[in-house]
Amino acid sequence: MSHNCFISFKKEDKKYRKKIVEKLGEKRITGKSLDRWIDSDDIDYVMQVIRNEYMAGTTVTLFLIGEHSSENEGLDLEGRNEQAFIIRELQATLYDRVGNPRDGLLGIVLPEMEGKVYGSTSICQHCGKAVTSINLDDSTVIREFSENYWLKKNACGHFDDNGRFAVLCRYSEFMNDPETYIDAAYEKTKQDISNLVHYKDIVHKGM
């Protein structure tokens, strides 16, 4: 089953968005980027507006992780968070209500960020599985992604796929086999780990 996608990205990464649209086809990118601030203190109302007006018909969000996708981008001249729009887009992705079920969340690490996100691989002395060091924090992504990637440790004390809602891959991996990663992100919405997804308690400056 193919899934319609929403792409959350910074303007500096527009070239990668274009290549992904070419790969998947324009008909599958049914959402449009948030282009206005929805002025309301009712977060449920804000999420509903974004889902209805900007993300209607989508089931998976592709979050492009580039050099300007981190929590540490700071504030604009008006004192608003520089990441306000992609924060809201990822919050709307995680929003889950009757009539607007939660979307899957797939982080795609762009080539210039691979060295900052992916570290070395070691073998767990307890389970014998390979564990790759992943750097997902305020220096690389916004918190809606990192906090829903690091959700639940396994019995060995490290994170594996069962303890993550957000899915992560390299841009090259995605372009080679997009459906595998899109399907994996969608399947997370039907797994028990989706019960641990959160966003309302995540705090940002200038929001």
N, C-alpha and C. Protein backbone atom coordinates (compact mmCIF):
# COMPACT_ATOMS: atom_id res chain seq x y z
N MET A 1 0.84 -1.20 0.00
CA MET A 1 0.00 0.00 0.00
C MET A 1 0.87 1.24 0.00
N SER A 2 0.62 2.16 -0.93
CA SER A 2 1.39 3.41 -0.96
C SER A 2 0.72 4.44 -0.08
N HIS A 3 1.53 5.28 0.55
CA HIS A 3 1.03 6.28 1.48
C HIS A 3 1.32 7.68 0.96
N ASN A 4 0.34 8.57 1.12
CA ASN A 4 0.56 9.97 0.77
C ASN A 4 1.38 10.63 1.86
N CYS A 5 2.28 11.50 1.46
CA CYS A 5 3.25 12.06 2.40
C CYS A 5 3.19 13.58 2.49
N PHE A 6 3.54 14.07 3.65
CA PHE A 6 3.78 15.49 3.89
C PHE A 6 5.28 15.65 4.11
N ILE A 7 5.88 16.68 3.55
CA ILE A 7 7.32 16.89 3.72
C ILE A 7 7.55 18.14 4.56
N SER A 8 8.20 17.96 5.70
CA SER A 8 8.56 19.08 6.57
C SER A 8 10.04 19.38 6.35
N PHE A 9 10.35 20.62 5.94
CA PHE A 9 11.72 20.92 5.55
C PHE A 9 12.01 22.41 5.74
N LYS A 10 13.29 22.73 5.82
CA LYS A 10 13.72 24.13 5.84
C LYS A 10 14.03 24.57 4.41
N LYS A 11 13.90 25.86 4.15
CA LYS A 11 14.06 26.35 2.78
C LYS A 11 15.44 26.03 2.20
N GLU A 12 16.45 25.90 3.08
CA GLU A 12 17.81 25.57 2.61
C GLU A 12 17.88 24.17 2.01
N ASP A 13 16.89 23.32 2.30
CA ASP A 13 16.90 21.93 1.84
C ASP A 13 15.89 21.68 0.72
N LYS A 14 15.47 22.75 0.07
CA LYS A 14 14.45 22.66 -0.97
C LYS A 14 14.86 21.71 -2.10
N LYS A 15 16.16 21.67 -2.42
CA LYS A 15 16.61 20.81 -3.53
C LYS A 15 16.35 19.34 -3.22
N TYR A 16 16.48 18.96 -1.94
CA TYR A 16 16.23 17.57 -1.58
C TYR A 16 14.73 17.25 -1.62
N ARG A 17 13.92 18.22 -1.22
CA ARG A 17 12.48 18.03 -1.33
C ARG A 17 12.09 17.79 -2.78
N LYS A 18 12.67 18.58 -3.68
CA LYS A 18 12.34 18.45 -5.10
C LYS A 18 12.69 17.05 -5.61
N LYS A 19 13.84 16.52 -5.20
CA LYS A 19 14.26 15.19 -5.65
C LYS A 19 13.35 14.10 -5.10
N ILE A 20 12.89 14.28 -3.86
CA ILE A 20 11.99 13.31 -3.26
C ILE A 20 10.64 13.33 -3.97
N VAL A 21 10.14 14.52 -4.29
CA VAL A 21 8.88 14.64 -5.02
C VAL A 21 9.01 13.97 -6.38
N GLU A 22 10.13 14.17 -7.04
CA GLU A 22 10.36 13.53 -8.34
C GLU A 22 10.38 12.02 -8.20
N LYS A 23 10.93 11.52 -7.10
CA LYS A 23 11.04 10.08 -6.86
C LYS A 23 9.67 9.46 -6.57
N LEU A 24 8.88 10.12 -5.72
CA LEU A 24 7.59 9.56 -5.30
C LEU A 24 6.46 9.93 -6.25
N GLY A 25 6.59 11.05 -6.93
CA GLY A 25 5.51 11.55 -7.77
C GLY A 25 4.71 12.61 -7.04
N GLU A 26 4.35 13.67 -7.73
CA GLU A 26 3.67 14.81 -7.11
C GLU A 26 2.33 14.42 -6.48
N LYS A 27 1.65 13.43 -7.03
CA LYS A 27 0.34 13.05 -6.51
C LYS A 27 0.41 12.50 -5.09
N ARG A 28 1.57 12.02 -4.69
CA ARG A 28 1.69 11.44 -3.34
C ARG A 28 2.10 12.46 -2.29
N ILE A 29 2.48 13.66 -2.71
CA ILE A 29 2.81 14.72 -1.77
C ILE A 29 1.59 15.63 -1.69
N THR A 30 0.64 15.22 -0.84
CA THR A 30 -0.67 15.88 -0.86
C THR A 30 -0.77 17.05 0.10
N GLY A 31 0.19 17.19 1.01
CA GLY A 31 0.15 18.31 1.95
C GLY A 31 0.91 19.50 1.42
N LYS A 32 0.72 20.64 2.08
CA LYS A 32 1.47 21.84 1.73
C LYS A 32 2.10 22.42 3.00
N SER A 33 3.26 23.05 2.85
CA SER A 33 4.00 23.56 4.00
C SER A 33 3.22 24.66 4.72
N LEU A 34 3.33 24.66 6.03
CA LEU A 34 2.70 25.69 6.84
C LEU A 34 3.27 27.05 6.46
N ASP A 35 2.39 28.02 6.19
CA ASP A 35 2.86 29.32 5.72
C ASP A 35 2.30 30.50 6.52
N ARG A 36 1.66 30.20 7.65
CA ARG A 36 1.14 31.27 8.50
C ARG A 36 1.10 30.81 9.94
N TRP A 37 1.18 31.77 10.84
CA TRP A 37 1.11 31.47 12.26
C TRP A 37 -0.36 31.45 12.68
N ILE A 38 -0.79 30.35 13.27
CA ILE A 38 -2.18 30.21 13.72
C ILE A 38 -2.23 30.71 15.17
N ASP A 39 -2.80 31.86 15.36
CA ASP A 39 -2.74 32.55 16.65
C ASP A 39 -3.85 32.07 17.57
N SER A 40 -3.54 31.05 18.37
CA SER A 40 -4.50 30.53 19.32
C SER A 40 -3.75 29.82 20.44
N ASP A 41 -4.27 29.93 21.66
CA ASP A 41 -3.69 29.22 22.79
C ASP A 41 -4.24 27.81 22.93
N ASP A 42 -5.23 27.49 22.11
CA ASP A 42 -5.84 26.15 22.13
C ASP A 42 -5.06 25.25 21.18
N ILE A 43 -4.17 24.43 21.73
CA ILE A 43 -3.29 23.61 20.90
C ILE A 43 -4.08 22.62 20.05
N ASP A 44 -5.19 22.11 20.59
CA ASP A 44 -6.00 21.17 19.81
C ASP A 44 -6.61 21.86 18.58
N TYR A 45 -7.02 23.10 18.76
CA TYR A 45 -7.55 23.86 17.63
C TYR A 45 -6.47 24.09 16.58
N VAL A 46 -5.27 24.47 17.03
CA VAL A 46 -4.16 24.70 16.11
C VAL A 46 -3.85 23.43 15.32
N MET A 47 -3.78 22.30 16.03
CA MET A 47 -3.48 21.04 15.37
C MET A 47 -4.56 20.68 14.35
N GLN A 48 -5.82 20.90 14.72
CA GLN A 48 -6.93 20.58 13.82
C GLN A 48 -6.86 21.41 12.54
N VAL A 49 -6.54 22.70 12.68
CA VAL A 49 -6.43 23.58 11.51
C VAL A 49 -5.30 23.08 10.60
N ILE A 50 -4.16 22.77 11.18
CA ILE A 50 -3.03 22.33 10.36
C ILE A 50 -3.35 21.01 9.65
N ARG A 51 -3.96 20.08 10.39
CA ARG A 51 -4.29 18.80 9.77
C ARG A 51 -5.32 18.96 8.65
N ASN A 52 -6.29 19.82 8.85
CA ASN A 52 -7.35 19.99 7.86
C ASN A 52 -6.91 20.80 6.65
N GLU A 53 -6.11 21.87 6.89
CA GLU A 53 -5.78 22.79 5.81
C GLU A 53 -4.44 22.51 5.14
N TYR A 54 -3.53 21.84 5.84
CA TYR A 54 -2.18 21.66 5.32
C TYR A 54 -1.76 20.21 5.15
N MET A 55 -2.36 19.29 5.92
CA MET A 55 -1.89 17.91 5.90
C MET A 55 -3.00 16.92 5.56
N ALA A 56 -4.10 17.40 5.03
CA ALA A 56 -5.23 16.53 4.71
C ALA A 56 -4.81 15.43 3.73
N GLY A 57 -5.20 14.21 4.04
CA GLY A 57 -4.94 13.09 3.14
C GLY A 57 -3.58 12.44 3.29
N THR A 58 -2.75 12.95 4.19
CA THR A 58 -1.42 12.37 4.38
C THR A 58 -1.45 11.34 5.52
N THR A 59 -0.54 10.36 5.46
CA THR A 59 -0.44 9.37 6.54
C THR A 59 0.98 9.24 7.07
N VAL A 60 1.95 9.86 6.39
CA VAL A 60 3.35 9.82 6.84
C VAL A 60 3.97 11.19 6.58
N THR A 61 4.70 11.70 7.59
CA THR A 61 5.47 12.93 7.44
C THR A 61 6.94 12.60 7.24
N LEU A 62 7.52 13.18 6.20
CA LEU A 62 8.95 13.05 5.94
C LEU A 62 9.63 14.31 6.48
N PHE A 63 10.42 14.16 7.52
CA PHE A 63 11.12 15.29 8.14
C PHE A 63 12.56 15.30 7.63
N LEU A 64 12.91 16.30 6.82
CA LEU A 64 14.25 16.38 6.26
C LEU A 64 15.19 16.98 7.29
N ILE A 65 16.19 16.20 7.70
CA ILE A 65 17.12 16.62 8.75
C ILE A 65 18.37 17.18 8.08
N GLY A 66 18.40 18.51 7.98
CA GLY A 66 19.52 19.19 7.36
C GLY A 66 20.29 20.03 8.37
N GLU A 67 21.12 20.91 7.89
CA GLU A 67 21.97 21.72 8.76
C GLU A 67 21.20 22.80 9.52
N HIS A 68 19.95 23.04 9.15
CA HIS A 68 19.15 24.07 9.82
C HIS A 68 17.86 23.50 10.39
N SER A 69 17.89 22.24 10.79
CA SER A 69 16.69 21.57 11.29
C SER A 69 16.72 21.33 12.79
N SER A 70 17.65 21.96 13.50
CA SER A 70 17.84 21.67 14.91
C SER A 70 17.09 22.63 15.83
N GLU A 71 17.00 22.25 17.08
CA GLU A 71 16.39 23.06 18.12
C GLU A 71 17.17 24.35 18.35
N ASN A 72 18.45 24.35 18.03
CA ASN A 72 19.35 25.44 18.39
C ASN A 72 19.41 26.59 17.37
N GLU A 73 18.43 26.70 16.49
CA GLU A 73 18.43 27.78 15.51
C GLU A 73 18.10 29.14 16.12
N GLY A 74 17.53 29.13 17.33
CA GLY A 74 17.30 30.39 18.03
C GLY A 74 15.98 31.07 17.70
N LEU A 75 15.92 32.40 17.94
CA LEU A 75 14.71 33.19 17.76
C LEU A 75 14.87 34.19 16.63
N ASP A 76 13.74 34.57 16.01
CA ASP A 76 13.81 35.58 14.96
C ASP A 76 13.73 36.97 15.59
N LEU A 77 13.66 38.01 14.75
CA LEU A 77 13.68 39.38 15.25
C LEU A 77 12.45 39.73 16.08
N GLU A 78 11.39 38.96 15.90
CA GLU A 78 10.16 39.20 16.66
C GLU A 78 10.11 38.37 17.94
N GLY A 79 11.18 37.60 18.17
CA GLY A 79 11.22 36.78 19.37
C GLY A 79 10.55 35.44 19.25
N ARG A 80 10.18 35.07 18.03
CA ARG A 80 9.52 33.78 17.79
C ARG A 80 10.56 32.73 17.41
N ASN A 81 10.32 31.52 17.79
CA ASN A 81 11.24 30.44 17.48
C ASN A 81 11.43 30.31 15.96
N GLU A 82 12.69 30.25 15.53
CA GLU A 82 12.99 30.11 14.09
C GLU A 82 12.41 28.82 13.51
N GLN A 83 12.17 27.84 14.37
CA GLN A 83 11.66 26.55 13.92
C GLN A 83 10.16 26.41 14.13
N ALA A 84 9.47 27.54 14.35
CA ALA A 84 8.05 27.50 14.72
C ALA A 84 7.21 26.68 13.74
N PHE A 85 7.45 26.84 12.45
CA PHE A 85 6.61 26.16 11.48
C PHE A 85 6.87 24.65 11.47
N ILE A 86 8.15 24.23 11.49
CA ILE A 86 8.37 22.77 11.46
C ILE A 86 8.03 22.15 12.81
N ILE A 87 8.13 22.91 13.89
CA ILE A 87 7.67 22.40 15.19
C ILE A 87 6.18 22.10 15.11
N ARG A 88 5.42 23.05 14.58
CA ARG A 88 3.97 22.85 14.45
C ARG A 88 3.65 21.71 13.48
N GLU A 89 4.41 21.59 12.41
CA GLU A 89 4.17 20.52 11.45
C GLU A 89 4.40 19.15 12.08
N LEU A 90 5.44 19.02 12.90
CA LEU A 90 5.69 17.74 13.55
C LEU A 90 4.70 17.49 14.68
N GLN A 91 4.29 18.54 15.37
CA GLN A 91 3.25 18.37 16.38
C GLN A 91 1.96 17.87 15.74
N ALA A 92 1.60 18.45 14.59
CA ALA A 92 0.39 18.02 13.90
C ALA A 92 0.52 16.59 13.40
N THR A 93 1.72 16.19 13.05
CA THR A 93 1.97 14.80 12.66
C THR A 93 1.65 13.86 13.81
N LEU A 94 2.05 14.25 15.02
CA LEU A 94 1.88 13.40 16.21
C LEU A 94 0.48 13.50 16.82
N TYR A 95 -0.26 14.51 16.42
CA TYR A 95 -1.63 14.74 16.90
C TYR A 95 -2.50 13.53 16.56
N ASP A 96 -3.33 13.09 17.52
CA ASP A 96 -4.13 11.89 17.31
C ASP A 96 -5.54 12.10 17.85
N ARG A 97 -6.49 12.25 16.97
CA ARG A 97 -7.88 12.42 17.37
C ARG A 97 -8.78 11.65 16.39
N VAL A 98 -10.01 11.38 16.82
CA VAL A 98 -10.99 10.75 15.94
C VAL A 98 -11.18 11.62 14.71
N GLY A 99 -11.06 11.03 13.55
CA GLY A 99 -11.18 11.78 12.30
C GLY A 99 -9.86 12.32 11.81
N ASN A 100 -8.86 12.39 12.69
CA ASN A 100 -7.52 12.85 12.33
C ASN A 100 -6.49 11.98 13.03
N PRO A 101 -6.37 10.73 12.61
CA PRO A 101 -5.41 9.85 13.28
C PRO A 101 -3.97 10.29 13.05
N ARG A 102 -3.12 9.90 13.98
CA ARG A 102 -1.70 10.25 13.94
C ARG A 102 -1.04 9.73 12.66
N ASP A 103 -0.11 10.54 12.12
CA ASP A 103 0.70 10.12 10.97
C ASP A 103 1.97 9.44 11.46
N GLY A 104 2.56 8.64 10.59
CA GLY A 104 3.90 8.13 10.86
C GLY A 104 4.92 9.24 10.68
N LEU A 105 6.08 9.10 11.34
CA LEU A 105 7.11 10.14 11.30
C LEU A 105 8.44 9.54 10.87
N LEU A 106 8.93 9.96 9.72
CA LEU A 106 10.18 9.45 9.17
C LEU A 106 11.19 10.58 9.03
N GLY A 107 12.31 10.47 9.74
CA GLY A 107 13.39 11.44 9.63
C GLY A 107 14.39 11.00 8.59
N ILE A 108 14.67 11.87 7.64
CA ILE A 108 15.60 11.55 6.56
C ILE A 108 16.83 12.42 6.73
N VAL A 109 17.95 11.80 7.07
CA VAL A 109 19.19 12.52 7.34
C VAL A 109 19.86 12.89 6.02
N LEU A 110 19.96 14.17 5.74
CA LEU A 110 20.55 14.63 4.48
C LEU A 110 22.07 14.43 4.51
N PRO A 111 22.68 14.31 3.33
CA PRO A 111 24.11 13.93 3.26
C PRO A 111 25.05 14.75 4.14
N GLU A 112 24.85 16.06 4.19
CA GLU A 112 25.76 16.91 4.96
C GLU A 112 25.61 16.73 6.48
N MET A 113 24.57 16.00 6.90
CA MET A 113 24.34 15.79 8.33
C MET A 113 24.70 14.38 8.80
N GLU A 114 25.05 13.49 7.88
CA GLU A 114 25.31 12.10 8.27
C GLU A 114 26.40 12.00 9.33
N GLY A 115 27.49 12.75 9.15
CA GLY A 115 28.60 12.68 10.10
C GLY A 115 28.25 13.21 11.47
N LYS A 116 27.23 14.08 11.55
CA LYS A 116 26.82 14.64 12.83
C LYS A 116 25.79 13.75 13.54
N VAL A 117 25.03 12.98 12.77
CA VAL A 117 23.97 12.15 13.35
C VAL A 117 24.44 10.73 13.63
N TYR A 118 25.14 10.13 12.67
CA TYR A 118 25.54 8.73 12.81
C TYR A 118 26.96 8.61 13.36
N GLY A 119 27.10 7.79 14.41
CA GLY A 119 28.41 7.55 15.00
C GLY A 119 28.90 6.14 14.73
N SER A 120 29.70 5.63 15.64
CA SER A 120 30.29 4.30 15.46
C SER A 120 29.30 3.21 15.86
N THR A 121 29.59 1.98 15.45
CA THR A 121 28.76 0.83 15.77
C THR A 121 29.53 -0.12 16.68
N SER A 122 28.88 -0.60 17.72
CA SER A 122 29.48 -1.56 18.64
C SER A 122 28.52 -2.71 18.87
N ILE A 123 29.00 -3.76 19.50
CA ILE A 123 28.18 -4.94 19.78
C ILE A 123 27.79 -4.94 21.24
N CYS A 124 26.49 -5.07 21.51
CA CYS A 124 26.00 -5.14 22.88
C CYS A 124 26.49 -6.43 23.54
N GLN A 125 27.10 -6.31 24.70
CA GLN A 125 27.64 -7.48 25.38
C GLN A 125 26.53 -8.38 25.93
N HIS A 126 25.33 -7.87 26.06
CA HIS A 126 24.23 -8.66 26.63
C HIS A 126 23.43 -9.41 25.56
N CYS A 127 23.04 -8.70 24.50
CA CYS A 127 22.18 -9.34 23.49
C CYS A 127 22.93 -9.70 22.21
N GLY A 128 24.15 -9.17 22.05
CA GLY A 128 24.95 -9.51 20.88
C GLY A 128 24.57 -8.78 19.61
N LYS A 129 23.63 -7.81 19.72
CA LYS A 129 23.20 -7.07 18.54
C LYS A 129 24.09 -5.85 18.31
N ALA A 130 24.20 -5.45 17.04
CA ALA A 130 24.96 -4.26 16.70
C ALA A 130 24.18 -3.02 17.10
N VAL A 131 24.85 -2.09 17.77
CA VAL A 131 24.22 -0.86 18.22
C VAL A 131 25.01 0.32 17.66
N THR A 132 24.35 1.14 16.85
CA THR A 132 25.00 2.31 16.26
C THR A 132 24.71 3.54 17.11
N SER A 133 25.75 4.27 17.41
CA SER A 133 25.59 5.51 18.17
C SER A 133 24.90 6.56 17.30
N ILE A 134 23.79 7.10 17.80
CA ILE A 134 23.01 8.09 17.06
C ILE A 134 22.95 9.38 17.86
N ASN A 135 23.28 10.50 17.23
CA ASN A 135 23.24 11.79 17.89
C ASN A 135 21.99 12.55 17.45
N LEU A 136 20.94 12.40 18.23
CA LEU A 136 19.71 13.15 17.99
C LEU A 136 19.42 13.95 19.25
N ASP A 137 19.78 15.21 19.22
CA ASP A 137 19.56 16.11 20.35
C ASP A 137 19.30 17.50 19.80
N ASP A 138 19.36 18.51 20.67
CA ASP A 138 19.04 19.88 20.23
C ASP A 138 20.00 20.41 19.17
N SER A 139 21.16 19.79 19.02
CA SER A 139 22.13 20.26 18.04
C SER A 139 21.87 19.72 16.64
N THR A 140 20.97 18.73 16.53
CA THR A 140 20.72 18.13 15.21
C THR A 140 19.27 18.16 14.77
N VAL A 141 18.33 18.06 15.72
CA VAL A 141 16.90 18.01 15.35
C VAL A 141 16.07 18.79 16.35
N ILE A 142 14.80 19.01 16.03
CA ILE A 142 13.89 19.60 17.00
C ILE A 142 13.39 18.50 17.93
N ARG A 143 12.89 18.90 19.08
CA ARG A 143 12.59 17.93 20.15
C ARG A 143 11.42 17.01 19.83
N GLU A 144 10.49 17.45 19.00
CA GLU A 144 9.38 16.56 18.65
C GLU A 144 9.89 15.28 17.99
N PHE A 145 11.00 15.39 17.28
CA PHE A 145 11.56 14.19 16.67
C PHE A 145 12.38 13.40 17.67
N SER A 146 13.35 14.04 18.32
CA SER A 146 14.25 13.30 19.21
C SER A 146 13.51 12.64 20.37
N GLU A 147 12.54 13.34 20.95
CA GLU A 147 11.85 12.78 22.11
C GLU A 147 10.89 11.65 21.75
N ASN A 148 10.53 11.53 20.48
CA ASN A 148 9.70 10.42 20.05
C ASN A 148 10.50 9.35 19.31
N TYR A 149 11.81 9.58 19.23
CA TYR A 149 12.74 8.54 18.77
C TYR A 149 13.28 7.79 19.98
N TRP A 150 13.65 8.54 21.01
CA TRP A 150 14.14 7.92 22.26
C TRP A 150 12.97 7.77 23.23
N LEU A 151 12.21 6.69 23.10
CA LEU A 151 11.03 6.54 23.95
C LEU A 151 11.19 5.48 25.04
N LYS A 152 11.70 4.31 24.69
CA LYS A 152 11.72 3.19 25.65
C LYS A 152 12.94 2.31 25.43
N LYS A 153 13.76 2.17 26.47
CA LYS A 153 14.94 1.30 26.38
C LYS A 153 14.53 -0.17 26.52
N ASN A 154 15.34 -1.04 25.94
CA ASN A 154 15.06 -2.46 26.05
C ASN A 154 15.70 -3.04 27.31
N ALA A 155 15.62 -4.36 27.49
CA ALA A 155 16.13 -5.01 28.70
C ALA A 155 17.64 -4.84 28.86
N CYS A 156 18.34 -4.60 27.76
CA CYS A 156 19.79 -4.41 27.82
C CYS A 156 20.18 -2.98 28.21
N GLY A 157 19.20 -2.09 28.23
CA GLY A 157 19.49 -0.72 28.61
C GLY A 157 19.78 0.21 27.45
N HIS A 158 19.59 -0.27 26.21
CA HIS A 158 19.75 0.62 25.06
C HIS A 158 18.46 0.62 24.24
N PHE A 159 18.38 1.54 23.31
CA PHE A 159 17.19 1.66 22.47
C PHE A 159 17.31 0.78 21.24
N ASP A 160 16.21 0.13 20.89
CA ASP A 160 16.15 -0.57 19.61
C ASP A 160 14.86 -0.15 18.90
N ASP A 161 14.57 -0.76 17.78
CA ASP A 161 13.44 -0.33 16.97
C ASP A 161 12.11 -0.40 17.71
N ASN A 162 11.98 -1.37 18.61
CA ASN A 162 10.72 -1.53 19.34
C ASN A 162 10.45 -0.39 20.31
N GLY A 163 11.48 0.35 20.68
CA GLY A 163 11.33 1.44 21.63
C GLY A 163 11.28 2.82 21.00
N ARG A 164 11.07 2.86 19.68
CA ARG A 164 11.03 4.12 18.96
C ARG A 164 9.73 4.26 18.18
N PHE A 165 9.18 5.48 18.18
CA PHE A 165 8.07 5.75 17.27
C PHE A 165 8.60 6.33 15.98
N ALA A 166 9.42 7.36 16.08
CA ALA A 166 10.00 7.96 14.88
C ALA A 166 10.98 6.99 14.22
N VAL A 167 11.00 6.99 12.91
CA VAL A 167 11.90 6.15 12.13
C VAL A 167 12.98 7.04 11.52
N LEU A 168 14.19 6.51 11.39
CA LEU A 168 15.32 7.30 10.89
C LEU A 168 16.03 6.56 9.78
N CYS A 169 16.46 7.29 8.75
CA CYS A 169 17.27 6.70 7.69
C CYS A 169 18.11 7.78 7.02
N ARG A 170 19.10 7.34 6.29
CA ARG A 170 19.91 8.25 5.48
C ARG A 170 19.16 8.60 4.20
N TYR A 171 19.46 9.76 3.66
CA TYR A 171 18.84 10.18 2.39
C TYR A 171 19.11 9.17 1.29
N SER A 172 20.34 8.66 1.21
CA SER A 172 20.69 7.70 0.17
C SER A 172 19.88 6.41 0.33
N GLU A 173 19.66 5.98 1.56
CA GLU A 173 18.87 4.78 1.81
C GLU A 173 17.43 4.99 1.39
N PHE A 174 16.91 6.16 1.72
CA PHE A 174 15.53 6.47 1.35
C PHE A 174 15.35 6.50 -0.15
N MET A 175 16.23 7.18 -0.85
CA MET A 175 16.09 7.30 -2.30
C MET A 175 16.25 5.95 -3.00
N ASN A 176 16.99 5.04 -2.40
CA ASN A 176 17.17 3.71 -2.97
C ASN A 176 15.94 2.83 -2.78
N ASP A 177 15.21 3.04 -1.68
CA ASP A 177 14.06 2.19 -1.37
C ASP A 177 13.06 2.95 -0.49
N PRO A 178 12.41 3.97 -1.04
CA PRO A 178 11.54 4.82 -0.21
C PRO A 178 10.38 4.09 0.43
N GLU A 179 9.79 3.14 -0.26
CA GLU A 179 8.59 2.50 0.26
C GLU A 179 8.85 1.73 1.55
N THR A 180 10.02 1.11 1.66
CA THR A 180 10.35 0.37 2.88
C THR A 180 10.31 1.28 4.10
N TYR A 181 10.88 2.47 3.98
CA TYR A 181 10.95 3.38 5.12
C TYR A 181 9.62 4.08 5.36
N ILE A 182 8.90 4.41 4.31
CA ILE A 182 7.58 5.02 4.47
C ILE A 182 6.63 4.03 5.14
N ASP A 183 6.65 2.78 4.69
CA ASP A 183 5.80 1.75 5.28
C ASP A 183 6.17 1.52 6.75
N ALA A 184 7.47 1.53 7.05
CA ALA A 184 7.91 1.32 8.44
C ALA A 184 7.38 2.42 9.35
N ALA A 185 7.42 3.67 8.86
CA ALA A 185 6.91 4.79 9.65
C ALA A 185 5.40 4.67 9.86
N TYR A 186 4.69 4.28 8.84
CA TYR A 186 3.24 4.13 8.98
C TYR A 186 2.89 3.00 9.95
N GLU A 187 3.61 1.90 9.88
CA GLU A 187 3.32 0.76 10.75
C GLU A 187 3.47 1.12 12.23
N LYS A 188 4.34 2.07 12.53
CA LYS A 188 4.51 2.50 13.92
C LYS A 188 3.22 3.05 14.52
N THR A 189 2.35 3.62 13.69
CA THR A 189 1.10 4.18 14.19
C THR A 189 0.16 3.10 14.69
N LYS A 190 0.40 1.86 14.32
CA LYS A 190 -0.46 0.75 14.73
C LYS A 190 0.16 -0.10 15.83
N GLN A 191 1.37 0.25 16.26
CA GLN A 191 2.07 -0.52 17.27
C GLN A 191 1.90 0.09 18.66
N ASP A 192 2.17 -0.71 19.70
CA ASP A 192 1.98 -0.24 21.08
C ASP A 192 2.83 0.98 21.41
N ILE A 193 4.00 1.11 20.75
CA ILE A 193 4.88 2.23 21.05
C ILE A 193 4.20 3.57 20.77
N SER A 194 3.19 3.58 19.91
CA SER A 194 2.48 4.83 19.60
C SER A 194 1.75 5.38 20.82
N ASN A 195 1.49 4.52 21.82
CA ASN A 195 0.82 4.99 23.03
C ASN A 195 1.72 5.89 23.88
N LEU A 196 3.04 5.86 23.61
CA LEU A 196 3.99 6.68 24.37
C LEU A 196 4.33 8.00 23.69
N VAL A 197 3.79 8.20 22.49
CA VAL A 197 4.06 9.43 21.74
C VAL A 197 3.57 10.64 22.52
N HIS A 198 4.35 11.71 22.50
CA HIS A 198 3.95 12.93 23.21
C HIS A 198 4.48 14.16 22.48
N TYR A 199 3.83 15.29 22.73
CA TYR A 199 4.30 16.56 22.17
C TYR A 199 3.83 17.76 22.99
N LYS A 200 2.68 17.65 23.68
CA LYS A 200 2.15 18.81 24.39
C LYS A 200 3.04 19.24 25.55
N ASP A 201 3.82 18.32 26.09
CA ASP A 201 4.68 18.63 27.24
C ASP A 201 6.06 19.10 26.82
N ILE A 202 6.34 19.14 25.52
CA ILE A 202 7.66 19.56 25.04
C ILE A 202 7.71 21.08 25.00
N VAL A 203 8.75 21.64 25.62
CA VAL A 203 8.86 23.10 25.76
C VAL A 203 9.87 23.66 24.75
N HIS A 204 9.50 24.77 24.12
CA HIS A 204 10.39 25.49 23.20
C HIS A 204 10.42 26.96 23.57
N LYS A 205 11.52 27.61 23.31
CA LYS A 205 11.60 29.05 23.48
C LYS A 205 10.84 29.73 22.33
N GLY A 206 10.15 30.82 22.63
CA GLY A 206 9.49 31.59 21.58
C GLY A 206 8.31 30.93 20.95
N MET A 207 7.64 30.03 21.68
CA MET A 207 6.44 29.36 21.14
C MET A 207 5.25 29.65 22.06
